[in-house]
Amino acid sequence: MNKKLSIDPSFKGDFNLNNEKISKDSKNQFIFTGLQIINRSLFTNEKSEVFSMNKVWNKLIKDKNLLGLESNQKFYHLNTFDMYKKIQSLNIID
C-alpha cells in the first residue's frame, strides 16, 4: 500500500509499484503489509540456516518476476507504545 495511507510517518517505503511490477529504488512509495503467495520451488536450492525473504524478493525483483497489488485502505501498524496510544485516540478500537 502507498505509505501515504499509513498513520505512521516513520515508514520509509519498501518498494515501488508500476503496473503490478515491484521494484526497489532509492525512494520507495509503497510498504509491505504482510501477505505474500510464493511458489515453493523458489526455495529448492536454499541452504541457509538463517534466512530472510529479502533474498527471494531481491532475486525476483532483479528478474522482474515479483508482482504486487495496491491496497487503498488505511494502514494502522501497531509497532510501538506511542503508536498504540495514537491509534487508541482515533477511537477505532475498543
Protein backbone atom coordinates (compact mmCIF):
# COMPACT_ATOMS: atom_id res chain seq x y z
CA MET A 1 0.00 0.00 0.00
CA ASN A 2 1.06 3.56 -0.54
CA LYS A 3 2.93 4.74 2.54
CA LYS A 4 0.84 7.95 2.49
CA LEU A 5 -2.10 5.87 3.76
CA SER A 6 -0.22 4.89 6.92
CA ILE A 7 -0.78 6.95 10.06
CA ASP A 8 2.85 6.23 10.99
CA PRO A 9 5.07 8.74 9.14
CA SER A 10 8.24 6.79 10.04
CA PHE A 11 7.80 4.32 7.15
CA LYS A 12 10.47 4.93 4.52
CA GLY A 13 8.92 2.62 1.93
CA ASP A 14 9.88 -0.91 0.91
CA PHE A 15 9.39 -0.84 -2.86
CA ASN A 16 7.69 0.86 -5.80
CA LEU A 17 4.82 -0.50 -7.85
CA ASN A 18 4.27 0.16 -11.54
CA ASN A 19 1.68 -1.86 -13.50
CA GLU A 20 1.80 -4.53 -10.75
CA LYS A 21 5.61 -4.94 -11.15
CA ILE A 22 7.61 -4.39 -7.96
CA SER A 23 10.93 -2.55 -7.98
CA LYS A 24 13.26 -1.19 -5.30
CA ASP A 25 14.73 2.26 -5.79
CA SER A 26 16.43 4.94 -3.73
CA LYS A 27 12.97 6.36 -2.86
CA ASN A 28 10.15 3.84 -2.38
CA GLN A 29 6.48 4.83 -2.10
CA PHE A 30 4.91 1.53 -1.04
CA ILE A 31 5.10 -0.52 2.15
CA PHE A 32 4.70 -4.27 2.55
CA THR A 33 1.69 -5.05 4.73
CA GLY A 34 2.22 -8.75 5.28
CA LEU A 35 0.64 -11.03 2.68
CA GLN A 36 2.59 -12.94 0.08
CA ILE A 37 2.00 -16.00 -2.05
CA ILE A 38 5.24 -17.67 -3.12
CA ASN A 39 5.86 -20.77 -5.19
CA ARG A 40 7.78 -23.28 -3.05
CA SER A 41 10.11 -24.00 -6.00
CA LEU A 42 11.88 -20.71 -5.17
CA PHE A 43 13.29 -22.40 -2.06
CA THR A 44 14.56 -25.59 -3.73
CA ASN A 45 18.24 -24.59 -3.66
CA GLU A 46 18.10 -22.62 -0.41
CA LYS A 47 20.54 -24.00 2.16
CA SER A 48 20.82 -21.07 4.62
CA GLU A 49 20.23 -21.78 8.30
CA VAL A 50 19.33 -18.13 8.86
CA PHE A 51 17.04 -16.95 6.11
CA SER A 52 15.49 -13.66 5.01
CA MET A 53 12.66 -13.33 2.49
CA ASN A 54 14.56 -10.30 1.17
CA LYS A 55 16.89 -12.77 -0.54
CA VAL A 56 13.97 -14.22 -2.53
CA TRP A 57 12.38 -10.82 -3.11
CA ASN A 58 15.63 -9.30 -4.41
CA LYS A 59 16.14 -12.12 -6.93
CA LEU A 60 12.53 -11.89 -8.13
CA ILE A 61 12.80 -8.09 -8.44
CA LYS A 62 16.06 -8.42 -10.39
CA ASP A 63 14.39 -10.92 -12.75
CA LYS A 64 11.27 -8.68 -12.96
CA ASN A 65 9.14 -11.54 -11.63
CA LEU A 66 7.71 -10.03 -8.44
CA LEU A 67 4.18 -8.69 -8.72
CA GLY A 68 2.04 -6.78 -6.27
CA LEU A 69 -1.42 -5.34 -5.85
CA GLU A 70 -2.12 -1.98 -4.26
CA SER A 71 -4.38 -1.71 -1.23
CA ASN A 72 -6.24 1.57 -0.78
CA GLN A 73 -7.13 1.01 2.87
CA LYS A 74 -5.60 2.96 5.73
CA PHE A 75 -2.81 1.10 7.49
CA TYR A 76 -2.68 1.02 11.30
CA HIS A 77 0.67 -0.57 12.11
CA LEU A 78 0.93 -1.22 15.81
CA ASN A 79 4.70 -1.25 16.33
CA THR A 80 5.32 0.96 19.38
CA PHE A 81 3.50 2.02 22.53
CA ASP A 82 3.30 5.58 21.18
CA MET A 83 1.65 4.26 18.01
CA TYR A 84 -0.77 2.26 20.19
CA LYS A 85 -1.75 5.45 22.01
CA LYS A 86 -2.16 7.31 18.70
CA ILE A 87 -4.39 4.55 17.26
CA GLN A 88 -6.35 4.35 20.52
CA SER A 89 -7.02 8.10 20.36
CA LEU A 90 -8.71 7.59 16.98
CA ASN A 91 -11.41 5.51 18.71
CA ILE A 92 -11.25 2.75 16.10
CA ILE A 93 -10.52 0.02 18.68
CA ASP A 94 -12.29 -0.89 21.91
